[in-house]
Protein backbone atom coordinates (compact mmCIF):
# COMPACT_ATOMS: atom_id res chain seq x y z
CA MET A 1 0.20 0.29 0.14
CA ALA A 2 3.23 2.12 0.56
CA THR A 3 3.58 2.07 -3.23
CA ALA A 4 0.23 2.84 -3.85
CA VAL A 5 0.35 6.23 -1.83
CA SER A 6 3.27 6.98 -3.11
CA ALA A 7 2.76 6.19 -6.64
CA ASN A 8 1.88 8.47 -9.36
CA LYS A 9 -1.22 9.53 -10.65
CA ALA A 10 -1.83 7.28 -13.10
CA GLU A 11 -0.96 4.23 -11.32
CA LEU A 12 -3.49 5.39 -8.31
CA ILE A 13 -6.24 5.30 -11.10
CA ALA A 14 -5.50 2.23 -12.27
CA ILE A 15 -4.89 0.42 -8.58
CA ALA A 16 -8.87 2.22 -7.94
CA ASN A 17 -9.76 0.49 -11.05
CA SER A 18 -8.32 -2.77 -10.06
CA VAL A 19 -9.71 -3.29 -6.75
CA ALA A 20 -13.18 -2.02 -7.73
CA SER A 21 -13.28 -4.61 -10.38
CA GLU A 22 -11.64 -7.37 -8.13
CA LYS A 23 -14.26 -6.58 -4.88
CA MET A 24 -16.79 -5.73 -7.38
CA ILE A 25 -18.05 -2.85 -5.89
CA ASP A 26 -18.08 0.99 -6.70
CA LYS A 27 -14.71 2.76 -7.62
CA GLY A 28 -16.05 5.80 -6.04
CA ILE A 29 -15.89 3.79 -3.11
CA VAL A 30 -12.51 2.89 -3.02
CA ILE A 31 -11.72 6.71 -4.31
CA GLU A 32 -13.43 7.67 -0.72
CA ALA A 33 -11.38 4.76 1.09
CA MET A 34 -8.38 6.21 -0.41
CA GLU A 35 -9.30 10.07 0.36
CA ASP A 36 -9.39 8.77 4.01
CA ALA A 37 -6.26 7.17 4.34
CA ILE A 38 -4.35 10.27 2.68
CA GLN A 39 -6.19 12.47 5.44
CA ARG A 40 -5.56 10.44 8.35
CA ALA A 41 -2.09 10.26 7.16
CA ALA A 42 -1.82 13.93 6.82
CA ARG A 43 -3.22 14.36 10.24
CA ALA A 44 -0.58 12.16 11.51
CA ARG A 45 2.40 14.59 9.43
CA TYR A 46 0.70 17.96 10.53
CA GLY A 47 -1.11 17.18 13.71
CA ALA A 48 -4.69 15.40 14.71
CA GLU A 49 -5.90 18.60 15.75
CA ASN A 50 -6.05 20.02 11.98
CA ASP A 51 -9.22 19.74 10.31
CA ILE A 52 -7.47 18.40 7.46
CA ARG A 53 -9.25 16.99 4.18
CA ALA A 54 -8.06 15.28 0.83
CA LYS A 55 -9.64 15.06 -2.77
CA LEU A 56 -8.44 12.88 -5.52
CA ASP A 57 -9.76 12.90 -8.68
CA PRO A 58 -11.26 9.88 -10.10
CA ASN A 59 -10.02 10.77 -13.94
CA SER A 60 -6.63 12.65 -13.94
CA GLY A 61 -5.48 11.06 -10.68
CA ASP A 62 -4.60 14.52 -9.18
CA LEU A 63 -4.51 14.98 -5.22
CA ARG A 64 -5.61 18.02 -3.28
CA LEU A 65 -4.09 18.24 0.40
CA TRP A 66 -5.72 21.48 2.43
CA ARG A 67 -6.71 22.31 5.99
CA VAL A 68 -9.96 24.36 6.69
CA VAL A 69 -9.72 27.22 8.99
CA GLU A 70 -12.11 29.53 10.68
CA VAL A 71 -11.54 33.44 10.35
CA VAL A 72 -11.63 35.24 14.17
CA GLU A 73 -10.91 38.19 15.82
CA ALA A 74 -9.46 36.01 18.37
CA VAL A 75 -7.23 33.00 17.78
CA ASP A 76 -8.34 30.54 20.52
CA ASP A 77 -7.19 27.40 18.57
CA PHE A 78 -4.20 27.51 16.52
CA PHE A 79 -5.00 24.57 14.67
CA LYS A 80 -8.37 25.52 13.53
CA GLN A 81 -8.71 29.44 13.57
CA VAL A 82 -7.03 31.86 12.15
CA ASN A 83 -7.28 35.85 12.24
CA LEU A 84 -8.52 38.23 9.81
CA LYS A 85 -4.99 39.58 8.88
CA GLU A 86 -3.34 35.88 8.22
CA ALA A 87 -6.57 34.84 6.51
CA GLU A 88 -6.27 37.80 3.61
CA LYS A 89 -2.75 36.21 2.96
CA LEU A 90 -4.79 32.92 2.00
CA GLN A 91 -7.81 34.47 0.39
CA LYS A 92 -8.67 37.81 -0.61
CA GLY A 93 -11.99 38.81 0.70
CA ALA A 94 -12.08 36.92 3.94
CA GLU A 95 -14.58 38.32 6.29
CA ILE A 96 -15.16 37.18 10.34
CA GLY A 97 -17.11 33.92 10.68
CA ASP A 98 -15.50 32.42 7.00
CA TYR A 99 -13.93 29.36 6.56
CA ILE A 100 -10.97 29.34 4.08
CA VAL A 101 -8.74 26.97 2.67
CA ASP A 102 -5.05 26.56 3.55
CA PRO A 103 -3.38 24.42 0.90
CA LEU A 104 -0.78 22.00 2.13
CA PRO A 105 2.07 20.45 0.21
CA PRO A 106 2.10 16.98 -0.83
CA ILE A 107 3.45 14.42 1.72
CA GLU A 108 5.81 11.65 1.92
CA PHE A 109 4.49 8.81 3.94
CA GLY A 110 6.52 6.62 5.88
CA ARG A 111 6.34 2.72 6.95
CA ILE A 112 3.77 3.56 9.71
CA ALA A 113 1.91 5.76 8.09
CA ALA A 114 1.47 3.99 4.71
CA GLN A 115 0.82 0.67 6.96
CA ALA A 116 -2.20 2.80 8.43
CA ALA A 117 -3.39 3.71 5.28
CA LYS A 118 -3.49 0.22 3.98
CA GLN A 119 -5.43 -1.02 7.30
CA VAL A 120 -7.95 2.12 6.32
CA ILE A 121 -8.54 1.18 2.63
CA PHE A 122 -8.66 -2.68 3.51
CA GLN A 123 -11.24 -1.81 5.72
CA LYS A 124 -13.31 0.49 3.82
CA VAL A 125 -13.25 -1.54 0.57
CA ARG A 126 -14.43 -4.65 3.21
CA ASP A 127 -17.58 -3.29 4.36
CA ALA A 128 -18.35 -2.32 0.97
CA GLU A 129 -18.09 -5.48 -0.10
CA ARG A 130 -20.22 -6.92 2.65
CA ASP A 131 -22.67 -4.59 1.92
CA ARG A 132 -22.72 -5.55 -1.51
CA GLN A 133 -22.79 -9.14 -0.88
CA PHE A 134 -26.24 -8.47 1.98
CA GLU A 135 -27.77 -6.38 -0.88
CA GLU A 136 -26.89 -8.85 -3.65
CA PHE A 137 -28.65 -11.38 -1.56
CA LYS A 138 -31.27 -10.53 0.56
CA ASP A 139 -34.06 -10.57 -2.06
CA ARG A 140 -32.69 -14.22 -3.18
CA GLN A 141 -34.38 -15.93 0.03
CA GLY A 142 -36.56 -18.83 -1.10
CA GLU A 143 -34.25 -19.33 -4.69
CA ILE A 144 -32.28 -22.21 -5.37
CA ILE A 145 -28.45 -21.67 -5.72
CA THR A 146 -25.69 -24.05 -6.86
CA GLY A 147 -22.27 -23.31 -5.25
CA VAL A 148 -18.69 -25.44 -4.49
CA VAL A 149 -18.06 -26.65 -1.07
CA LYS A 150 -14.99 -24.82 0.25
CA ARG A 151 -14.45 -26.27 3.29
CA VAL A 152 -16.53 -28.43 6.49
CA GLU A 153 -15.85 -27.14 9.61
CA PHE A 154 -17.37 -29.12 12.87
CA GLY A 155 -20.18 -30.78 10.97
CA HIS A 156 -21.21 -27.26 8.72
CA VAL A 157 -20.82 -27.04 5.22
CA VAL A 158 -19.16 -23.76 3.57
CA VAL A 159 -20.25 -23.21 0.41
CA ASP A 160 -18.70 -21.10 -2.10
CA LEU A 161 -21.20 -19.00 -4.15
CA GLY A 162 -18.97 -17.05 -6.24
CA ARG A 163 -19.81 -13.47 -5.10
CA ALA A 164 -20.28 -14.71 -1.53
CA GLU A 165 -19.76 -17.78 1.01
CA GLY A 166 -23.09 -19.31 2.23
CA VAL A 167 -23.47 -22.30 5.42
CA ILE A 168 -25.19 -25.48 5.44
CA ARG A 169 -25.90 -26.13 9.20
CA ARG A 170 -26.06 -29.80 10.55
CA ASP A 171 -29.58 -29.57 10.86
CA GLN A 172 -30.17 -28.11 7.57
CA GLN A 173 -28.00 -31.23 5.57
CA ILE A 174 -29.94 -34.29 4.34
CA PRO A 175 -28.87 -36.64 6.76
CA ARG A 176 -26.02 -39.47 5.66
CA GLU A 177 -25.27 -37.33 2.78
CA VAL A 178 -21.48 -36.93 2.41
CA VAL A 179 -20.13 -34.03 0.77
CA ARG A 180 -16.60 -33.59 0.04
CA VAL A 181 -14.24 -30.13 -0.72
CA ASN A 182 -14.96 -28.77 -4.29
CA ASP A 183 -18.48 -30.84 -4.81
CA ARG A 184 -20.41 -28.99 -6.50
CA ILE A 185 -24.07 -28.58 -4.73
CA ARG A 186 -27.38 -27.11 -5.00
CA SER A 187 -29.03 -25.68 -1.53
CA LEU A 188 -32.13 -23.46 -0.90
CA ILE A 189 -31.21 -19.64 0.12
CA LEU A 190 -33.29 -20.14 3.90
CA ASN A 191 -32.08 -17.17 5.51
CA VAL A 192 -29.74 -14.18 4.90
CA ARG A 193 -28.60 -11.87 7.87
CA ARG A 194 -26.47 -8.61 8.46
CA GLU A 195 -24.18 -9.35 11.04
CA ASN A 196 -21.01 -7.66 12.36
CA ARG A 197 -18.71 -10.22 10.51
CA GLY A 198 -20.41 -9.62 7.35
CA PRO A 199 -23.36 -10.92 5.72
CA GLN A 200 -24.37 -14.25 6.66
CA ILE A 201 -25.86 -16.64 4.21
CA PHE A 202 -27.96 -19.57 5.65
CA LEU A 203 -28.49 -22.75 2.93
CA SER A 204 -30.72 -25.71 3.24
CA ARG A 205 -30.84 -28.72 1.43
CA ALA A 206 -33.55 -30.22 4.25
CA HIS A 207 -36.26 -27.70 3.89
CA PRO A 208 -39.39 -28.78 2.12
CA ASP A 209 -39.52 -25.52 0.13
CA PHE A 210 -35.95 -27.01 -1.17
CA MET A 211 -38.20 -29.83 -2.61
CA LYS A 212 -40.80 -27.90 -4.02
CA LYS A 213 -38.54 -25.76 -5.74
CA LEU A 214 -36.46 -28.79 -7.29
CA PHE A 215 -39.89 -29.93 -8.80
CA ALA A 216 -40.70 -26.17 -10.19
CA GLN A 217 -37.33 -26.78 -12.12
CA GLU A 218 -38.45 -30.44 -13.12
CA VAL A 219 -41.98 -29.86 -13.90
CA PRO A 220 -42.79 -26.93 -16.80
CA GLU A 221 -46.24 -27.34 -15.24
CA ILE A 222 -45.27 -26.00 -11.91
CA TYR A 223 -43.21 -22.96 -13.13
CA ASP A 224 -45.75 -21.79 -15.25
CA GLY A 225 -48.17 -22.17 -12.64
CA ILE A 226 -50.91 -25.02 -14.55
CA ILE A 227 -49.99 -26.99 -11.28
CA GLU A 228 -49.62 -25.79 -7.85
CA ILE A 229 -47.67 -27.59 -4.98
CA LYS A 230 -50.22 -26.65 -2.13
CA ALA A 231 -48.48 -28.70 0.61
CA ALA A 232 -45.14 -30.13 1.42
CA ALA A 233 -43.68 -32.48 4.47
CA ARG A 234 -40.14 -33.89 5.07
CA ASP A 235 -38.56 -36.42 6.64
CA PRO A 236 -35.37 -35.47 5.06
CA GLY A 237 -33.04 -38.09 3.70
CA SER A 238 -36.30 -41.03 4.24
CA ARG A 239 -39.65 -39.98 2.66
CA ALA A 240 -41.42 -36.73 2.02
CA LYS A 241 -45.03 -36.20 0.68
CA ILE A 242 -46.39 -33.40 -1.64
CA GLY A 243 -50.09 -32.10 -2.35
CA VAL A 244 -50.54 -30.75 -5.92
CA ILE A 245 -53.43 -29.24 -7.79
CA SER A 246 -53.98 -28.56 -10.97
CA HIS A 247 -55.62 -25.39 -12.47
CA ASP A 248 -56.35 -27.51 -16.22
CA SER A 249 -58.92 -30.23 -15.98
CA SER A 250 -57.26 -31.79 -18.74
CA ILE A 251 -53.53 -32.07 -17.09
CA ASP A 252 -53.48 -35.11 -14.27
CA PRO A 253 -51.22 -33.26 -11.67
CA VAL A 254 -50.06 -36.45 -10.09
CA GLY A 255 -48.91 -37.78 -13.57
CA ALA A 256 -47.28 -34.57 -14.54
CA CYS A 257 -44.96 -34.66 -11.44
CA VAL A 258 -43.94 -38.19 -12.25
CA GLY A 259 -43.28 -38.16 -15.66
CA MET A 260 -42.81 -40.55 -18.48
CA LYS A 261 -41.41 -43.70 -16.73
CA GLY A 262 -40.92 -41.39 -13.77
CA SER A 263 -38.18 -39.41 -14.80
CA ARG A 264 -39.09 -35.95 -13.20
CA VAL A 265 -39.57 -37.62 -9.96
CA GLN A 266 -36.54 -39.61 -10.16
CA ALA A 267 -34.37 -36.47 -11.02
CA VAL A 268 -35.54 -35.05 -7.96
CA VAL A 269 -35.21 -38.07 -5.92
CA GLN A 270 -31.67 -38.32 -6.91
CA GLU A 271 -30.87 -34.72 -5.86
CA MET A 272 -32.51 -35.53 -2.03
CA GLN A 273 -29.79 -38.78 -2.14
CA GLY A 274 -32.77 -40.82 -2.73
CA GLU A 275 -35.32 -39.48 -0.50
CA LYS A 276 -38.59 -41.47 -1.49
CA ILE A 277 -41.68 -38.85 -2.64
CA ASP A 278 -45.48 -39.58 -1.92
CA ILE A 279 -47.12 -37.39 -4.70
CA ILE A 280 -50.66 -36.92 -3.49
CA PRO A 281 -53.65 -34.71 -5.33
CA TRP A 282 -54.54 -32.28 -2.96
CA SER A 283 -58.18 -31.21 -1.96
CA PRO A 284 -60.21 -28.58 -0.26
CA ASP A 285 -62.10 -30.78 1.37
CA ILE A 286 -59.88 -32.00 4.40
CA ALA A 287 -61.26 -35.47 5.12
CA THR A 288 -60.83 -36.44 1.61
CA PHE A 289 -57.04 -34.66 2.03
CA VAL A 290 -56.18 -36.70 4.65
CA VAL A 291 -57.39 -39.73 3.06
CA ASN A 292 -54.94 -39.14 0.42
CA ALA A 293 -52.38 -38.08 2.55
CA LEU A 294 -52.06 -41.17 4.53
CA GLN A 295 -51.70 -43.35 1.39
CA PRO A 296 -50.55 -45.97 0.72
CA ALA A 297 -52.93 -47.32 3.82
CA SER A 298 -56.67 -47.28 3.41
CA VAL A 299 -59.27 -45.72 5.58
CA SER A 300 -62.83 -46.48 6.98
CA ARG A 301 -63.77 -43.07 8.02
CA VAL A 302 -62.74 -40.18 9.18
CA VAL A 303 -64.08 -37.61 12.04
CA ILE A 304 -63.02 -33.96 11.99
CA ASP A 305 -63.36 -32.33 15.85
CA GLU A 306 -62.81 -28.54 14.29
CA GLU A 307 -62.80 -27.17 18.18
CA GLU A 308 -59.61 -29.53 18.74
CA GLU A 309 -58.10 -28.97 15.67
CA ARG A 310 -57.99 -32.88 15.52
CA ILE A 311 -58.43 -35.53 13.03
CA GLU A 312 -59.83 -39.00 14.18
CA VAL A 313 -58.99 -41.26 11.82
CA VAL A 314 -60.27 -44.89 11.46
CA VAL A 315 -58.67 -47.76 9.93
CA PRO A 316 -59.32 -51.51 9.74
CA ASP A 317 -56.84 -53.72 12.41
CA ASP A 318 -54.68 -54.72 9.25
CA GLN A 319 -53.81 -51.27 8.37
CA LEU A 320 -52.93 -50.34 11.56
CA SER A 321 -49.17 -50.50 11.24
CA LEU A 322 -49.00 -49.50 7.35
CA ALA A 323 -50.83 -46.13 8.40
CA ILE A 324 -48.89 -45.19 10.99
CA GLY A 325 -45.85 -46.01 9.08
CA ARG A 326 -42.31 -46.69 10.60
CA ARG A 327 -41.95 -45.16 13.79
CA GLY A 328 -44.74 -43.28 12.83
CA GLN A 329 -43.43 -41.61 10.06
CA ASN A 330 -46.14 -41.88 7.82
CA VAL A 331 -48.54 -40.31 9.80
CA ARG A 332 -46.24 -37.63 11.37
CA LEU A 333 -46.08 -36.50 7.45
CA ALA A 334 -49.44 -36.48 6.56
CA SER A 335 -49.99 -34.41 10.03
CA GLN A 336 -47.30 -31.84 8.86
CA LEU A 337 -49.01 -31.70 5.36
CA THR A 338 -52.97 -31.14 6.33
CA ALA A 339 -51.49 -29.19 9.42
CA LYS A 340 -53.65 -31.11 11.65
CA ALA A 341 -53.39 -33.17 14.37
CA ILE A 342 -53.91 -37.10 13.55
CA ASP A 343 -55.66 -39.86 15.54
CA ILE A 344 -54.85 -43.36 14.19
CA LEU A 345 -57.56 -45.79 15.71
CA THR A 346 -58.57 -49.27 14.66
CA GLU A 347 -62.20 -50.21 14.04
CA ALA A 348 -62.07 -52.13 17.39
CA ASP A 349 -60.38 -48.85 18.90
CA ALA A 350 -63.52 -46.55 17.36
CA SER A 351 -65.91 -48.78 18.81
CA GLU A 352 -64.62 -49.12 22.21
CA LYS A 353 -64.18 -45.48 22.38
CA ARG A 354 -67.81 -44.63 21.19
CA GLN A 355 -68.62 -47.09 23.90
CA LYS A 356 -67.36 -46.01 26.62
CA GLU A 357 -68.44 -42.09 25.62
CA PHE A 358 -71.88 -43.23 25.31
CA VAL A 359 -72.11 -44.97 28.97
CA GLU A 360 -70.23 -41.95 30.44
CA ARG A 361 -72.61 -39.36 29.16
CA THR A 362 -75.60 -41.77 30.01
CA GLU A 363 -74.99 -41.95 33.62
CA MET A 364 -74.04 -38.16 33.31
CA PHE A 365 -77.69 -37.20 32.55
CA GLN A 366 -79.02 -40.01 34.70
CA GLY A 367 -77.44 -38.55 37.44
CA GLU A 368 -77.88 -34.55 36.58
CA LEU A 369 -81.24 -34.60 35.23
CA ASP A 370 -82.87 -37.47 37.54
CA VAL A 371 -84.43 -39.77 34.50
CA ASP A 372 -84.11 -43.66 34.05
CA GLU A 373 -81.28 -44.99 31.61
CA THR A 374 -83.61 -45.64 28.67
CA LEU A 375 -84.36 -41.60 28.66
CA ALA A 376 -80.70 -40.64 29.12
CA GLN A 377 -79.68 -43.18 26.33
CA LEU A 378 -82.47 -41.46 24.33
CA LEU A 379 -80.88 -38.07 24.84
CA VAL A 380 -76.95 -39.53 23.96
CA ALA A 381 -78.09 -41.65 20.56
CA GLU A 382 -79.91 -38.05 19.10
CA GLY A 383 -76.52 -36.52 19.75
CA PHE A 384 -76.58 -34.72 22.87
CA THR A 385 -73.20 -34.43 24.88
CA ASN A 386 -73.63 -32.13 27.66
CA LEU A 387 -76.15 -30.40 29.53
CA GLU A 388 -75.74 -27.00 28.03
CA GLU A 389 -77.16 -28.33 24.77
CA VAL A 390 -80.05 -29.86 26.68
CA ALA A 391 -80.84 -26.77 28.78
CA TYR A 392 -80.48 -23.84 25.48
CA VAL A 393 -81.49 -25.79 22.46
CA GLU A 394 -85.08 -25.22 20.57
CA ALA A 395 -87.38 -27.03 22.88
CA ASP A 396 -88.85 -28.49 19.60
CA GLU A 397 -85.95 -30.37 18.84
CA ILE A 398 -86.17 -32.36 22.15
CA ALA A 399 -90.29 -32.77 21.91
CA ALA A 400 -89.35 -33.70 18.11
CA ILE A 401 -87.58 -37.56 19.80
CA GLU A 402 -89.53 -40.59 19.31
CA GLY A 403 -91.24 -40.95 22.50
CA PHE A 404 -90.74 -37.51 23.88
CA ASP A 405 -93.20 -34.50 23.90
CA GLU A 406 -93.32 -30.89 24.82
CA ASP A 407 -94.19 -31.42 28.42
CA LEU A 408 -91.03 -33.78 28.92
CA ALA A 409 -89.17 -31.10 26.83
CA ALA A 410 -89.85 -28.41 29.28
CA GLU A 411 -89.34 -30.82 32.25
CA LEU A 412 -86.09 -31.69 30.84
CA GLN A 413 -85.08 -28.41 30.27
CA SER A 414 -85.85 -27.29 33.56
CA ARG A 415 -83.78 -29.92 35.48
CA ALA A 416 -80.75 -29.17 33.18
CA THR A 417 -81.01 -25.66 33.97
CA GLU A 418 -81.34 -26.40 37.68
CA ALA A 419 -78.21 -28.66 37.46
CA LEU A 420 -75.72 -26.10 35.65
CA GLU A 421 -77.00 -24.12 38.81
CA ARG A 422 -76.10 -26.57 41.25
CA ARG A 423 -72.57 -27.14 39.59
CA GLU A 424 -72.21 -23.08 39.29
CA GLU A 425 -73.07 -22.88 43.07
CA ALA A 426 -70.74 -25.80 43.95
CA ASN A 427 -67.97 -24.32 41.97
CA ARG A 428 -67.99 -20.78 43.44
CA THR A 429 -68.12 -22.23 46.79
CA LEU A 430 -65.06 -24.52 45.72
CA ARG A 431 -63.53 -21.11 44.26
CA ARG A 432 -64.03 -19.35 47.51
CA GLU A 433 -62.20 -21.84 49.49
CA LEU A 434 -59.57 -21.66 47.25
CA GLY A 435 -58.93 -18.23 47.94
CA VAL A 436 -59.99 -16.66 44.53
CA GLU A 437 -61.28 -12.87 44.60
CA ASP A 438 -64.50 -12.13 43.68
CA ALA A 439 -62.99 -9.44 41.25
CA LEU A 440 -61.91 -12.14 38.89
CA ALA A 441 -65.20 -13.49 38.69
CA THR A 442 -66.60 -9.80 37.10
CA MET A 443 -64.12 -10.86 34.12
CA PRO A 444 -65.59 -11.58 30.64
CA TYR A 445 -66.11 -14.91 29.42
CA LEU A 446 -64.83 -16.83 32.80
CA THR A 447 -67.29 -19.38 34.70
CA GLU A 448 -66.99 -20.26 38.09
CA ALA A 449 -65.36 -23.55 36.87
CA MET A 450 -62.97 -21.62 34.81
CA LEU A 451 -62.10 -19.94 38.00
CA VAL A 452 -61.66 -22.81 40.43
CA THR A 453 -59.11 -23.68 37.37
CA LEU A 454 -57.51 -20.65 37.74
CA GLY A 455 -57.47 -20.95 41.97
CA LYS A 456 -55.87 -24.39 41.33
CA ALA A 457 -53.07 -22.96 39.05
CA GLY A 458 -52.24 -20.17 42.15
CA ILE A 459 -53.92 -17.47 40.06
CA LYS A 460 -56.10 -15.78 42.89
CA THR A 461 -56.23 -12.09 42.20
CA LEU A 462 -56.72 -9.67 39.36
CA ASP A 463 -52.61 -8.90 39.43
CA ASP A 464 -51.94 -12.82 38.89
CA LEU A 465 -54.28 -12.70 35.98
CA ALA A 466 -53.47 -9.63 34.74
CA ASP A 467 -49.92 -10.91 34.56
CA LEU A 468 -50.23 -13.74 32.23
CA ALA A 469 -49.82 -13.57 28.57
CA THR A 470 -52.49 -14.73 26.00
CA ASP A 471 -51.10 -17.93 25.15
CA GLU A 472 -50.24 -18.58 29.06
CA LEU A 473 -54.21 -18.83 29.36
CA VAL A 474 -55.88 -19.74 26.87
CA GLN A 475 -53.60 -21.85 24.69
CA LYS A 476 -54.86 -25.37 23.67
CA LYS A 477 -52.56 -28.08 24.21
CA ARG A 478 -51.24 -29.72 21.11
CA GLN A 479 -49.43 -33.22 21.06
CA GLU A 480 -47.70 -35.02 18.37
CA GLN A 481 -49.58 -38.10 18.17
CA ARG A 482 -49.06 -41.22 20.41
CA ARG A 483 -49.54 -44.52 17.86
CA ARG A 484 -49.63 -48.09 19.20
CA ASN A 485 -47.58 -50.15 17.02
CA GLU A 486 -47.19 -53.91 17.93
CA ASP A 487 -44.50 -54.29 15.14
CA ALA A 488 -42.39 -51.05 16.30
CA PRO A 489 -41.02 -49.60 19.51
CA LYS A 490 -43.51 -47.20 20.90
CA ARG A 491 -43.03 -43.42 19.42
CA GLU A 492 -41.48 -40.77 21.61
CA THR A 493 -44.39 -38.07 21.87
CA ARG A 494 -43.19 -34.32 22.04
CA SER A 495 -45.71 -31.27 23.17
CA GLU A 496 -45.58 -28.97 20.21
CA ASP A 497 -47.24 -26.27 22.32
CA ARG A 498 -47.65 -25.61 26.17
CA ALA A 499 -51.10 -25.74 27.50
CA GLY A 500 -52.60 -22.92 28.90
CA VAL A 501 -54.34 -22.66 32.23
CA LEU A 502 -57.49 -22.00 30.53
CA GLY A 503 -56.48 -24.46 27.57
CA GLU A 504 -58.98 -27.00 28.11
CA TYR A 505 -62.08 -24.84 27.86
CA GLY A 506 -61.63 -23.70 24.16
CA LEU A 507 -61.22 -19.98 24.60
CA SER A 508 -60.17 -18.03 21.70
CA ASP A 509 -56.49 -15.57 21.25
CA GLU A 510 -59.20 -12.61 21.18
CA GLN A 511 -61.39 -13.83 24.00
CA GLY A 512 -57.94 -14.26 26.15
CA ASN A 513 -56.71 -10.58 25.35
CA GLU A 514 -60.25 -9.46 26.12
CA ILE A 515 -59.84 -11.29 29.64
CA ILE A 516 -56.45 -10.29 30.44
CA MET A 517 -57.12 -6.41 29.40
CA ALA A 518 -59.97 -6.33 31.40
CA ALA A 519 -58.14 -7.60 34.41
CA ARG A 520 -55.32 -5.03 34.01
CA ALA A 521 -57.72 -1.88 33.48
CA HIS A 522 -57.30 -1.59 37.39
CA TRP A 523 -53.64 -0.77 36.90
CA PHE A 524 -54.37 2.61 34.51
CA ASP A 525 -57.71 3.47 37.04
CA ASP A 526 -54.85 3.67 40.02
CA GLU A 527 -52.76 5.67 37.86
CA PRO A 528 -54.14 9.45 38.39
CA ALA A 529 -54.83 8.59 41.93
CA ALA A 530 -50.90 8.16 42.38
CA ASP A 531 -50.20 11.21 40.42
CA ALA A 532 -52.41 12.91 42.68
CA THR A 533 -51.00 11.55 46.09
CA SER A 534 -47.59 12.52 44.71
CA GLU A 535 -48.32 15.85 44.05
CA GLU A 536 -49.96 16.84 47.56
CA ALA A 537 -46.82 15.16 48.73
C-alpha cells in the first residue's frame, strides 16, 4: 500500500480500478477510501488537531490536500482558527466567520503511515464488499443456488457461491449425505442476515421448500403455474409427501409430476439422495385430503373435531401399522402435510371409544337430570353431549325425539337448568375456598368452573391474572400423536405447544386478550390517584 500512496497519478487510478473490479464494488468507494487514508496520514504528519481534507480526482489522479480554518477576531485554537490578517494572505476578501482553505504540500508516507493507510483502505473496501453481498442476496431468499463446497467445519458445510459464501448448518443437511470439498452442490437460500462479521447466508437442503423448488425446475407445468404444490412435508433423507393440484382440468397433476417412466420425480429423488416422495392429489375437503395423505394405507372413515383442530382416522385392523408407518413416519408426514393433529384408531378402538363415551354421557344425564337409563340413552343417541345443549337448545328439537312430547321437553330443560345452577354454585363455593377473589368473577367469559381452574393454578387476584400472556391463559395443548404399533417400539411424544391454564375450555386468542386487558384495567385506574398523591406530597 505504501507503493500505492506514493505512486504517480496514473498508478493511483489504476489501483482504484483494479480493486473496484476485483471486489465488484463501486470505484467511488475505493477513491473515498483512499482519500480517507490520505487524510489520516496527513493528520499524523501535521497534527491530529487540524481539520485536514484530501481530494483525489477519479479521472486524472490529481491529489489536493488542504486544511480548513475559521476566520476569527481573536484566535483560541491555532490549529483550526486564523485571524483576519492571516486570512487575507490565504484568501482575499475573507471576513470574520468564514471558513477558508489553507493548501498543504504533498506528503511523503513513512512505513507506519503507509501501513495505517493500507489498513483504512482495506477496512473500507471490506465494508463495501459486505454491503454489496447483503444487497445482492437479501431479496433472493427462497431461491435455489448452486455453489462449490469450500470446507466442512464442525459438521457445517461452507459453500462458495461465487460472490459470497453460504453455510449449510448440520440440521439443514440431508442425513447421511457425504459432502466433499470441491463438490458442486445445490441448496435453498433459507435466510440472509446482516451481522458484524458480514452478511450470513444460510442455506438448506432439508427444508420442504427445497423440494418444491426442485419440482418447479423439473416440471414445466409447476413453473408456469398450471400445477400448484399446495403443501409439502419431509423427513429429510428418508421420505416426503407433497400435495398437488391442477388448475387445468385436462392435466393430471400427479402424472405430470411423476413424468414419463418417472423421469421427473426421479431427478428430484436423486438430488435428495434417494428420498422417497409420495405425490398426493390435494383437495379442499380436509377429510378427502387426509385420506389421500395417509396413502398407501386405506381409511374406513374420518371424524373431524374442528374445535380441537384434530382429526380422528379409523382404519381396518390390518392397516394400522401401514397407516402409522415405520416409527410413526407416515402419520407424522400426513399431519404436517394437512397441518392437523391426526389420531389413528382401529375399528375395535373406535368402537370401544364410542361405547365408553356413550356410557359416560348416559350416566351423566341419569345423575344430573334424575331420569331413567332408557331416556338418558335416547338423549345421547340423538347427539346430546352435555347439559348446556339440553338446557339451551330449542324445545322443539327435544320434543321431536320419538316418544318425547312438549311437556317432557320442558321438564328436561328445567332440570338441566337447575343442574347447571347447582354446578355453578358448587364451583363458586370451591372457588372461594381456594381464595380466588370475587373481582375475577366480573371478568368477561370466565365461568365459575374456569375460576376454580385458575385458583388451582395459583391465580387468585386480578394482578395474578393480569401478569399472564395470552398463550399462557388460553393456548390449547397440541401434542404429537401417540401411536400403538405392535411391530415397532412406541414412539416418543413431544409437546409442540404448552397448554394455557384455561386451554381445555376452548377460549379463542381474542377472548383471552379481552380477559387479560380487563384484568389490567385497574392498573390504569390507579395511575391518576398515584399522580395526585405525589403532587400533594
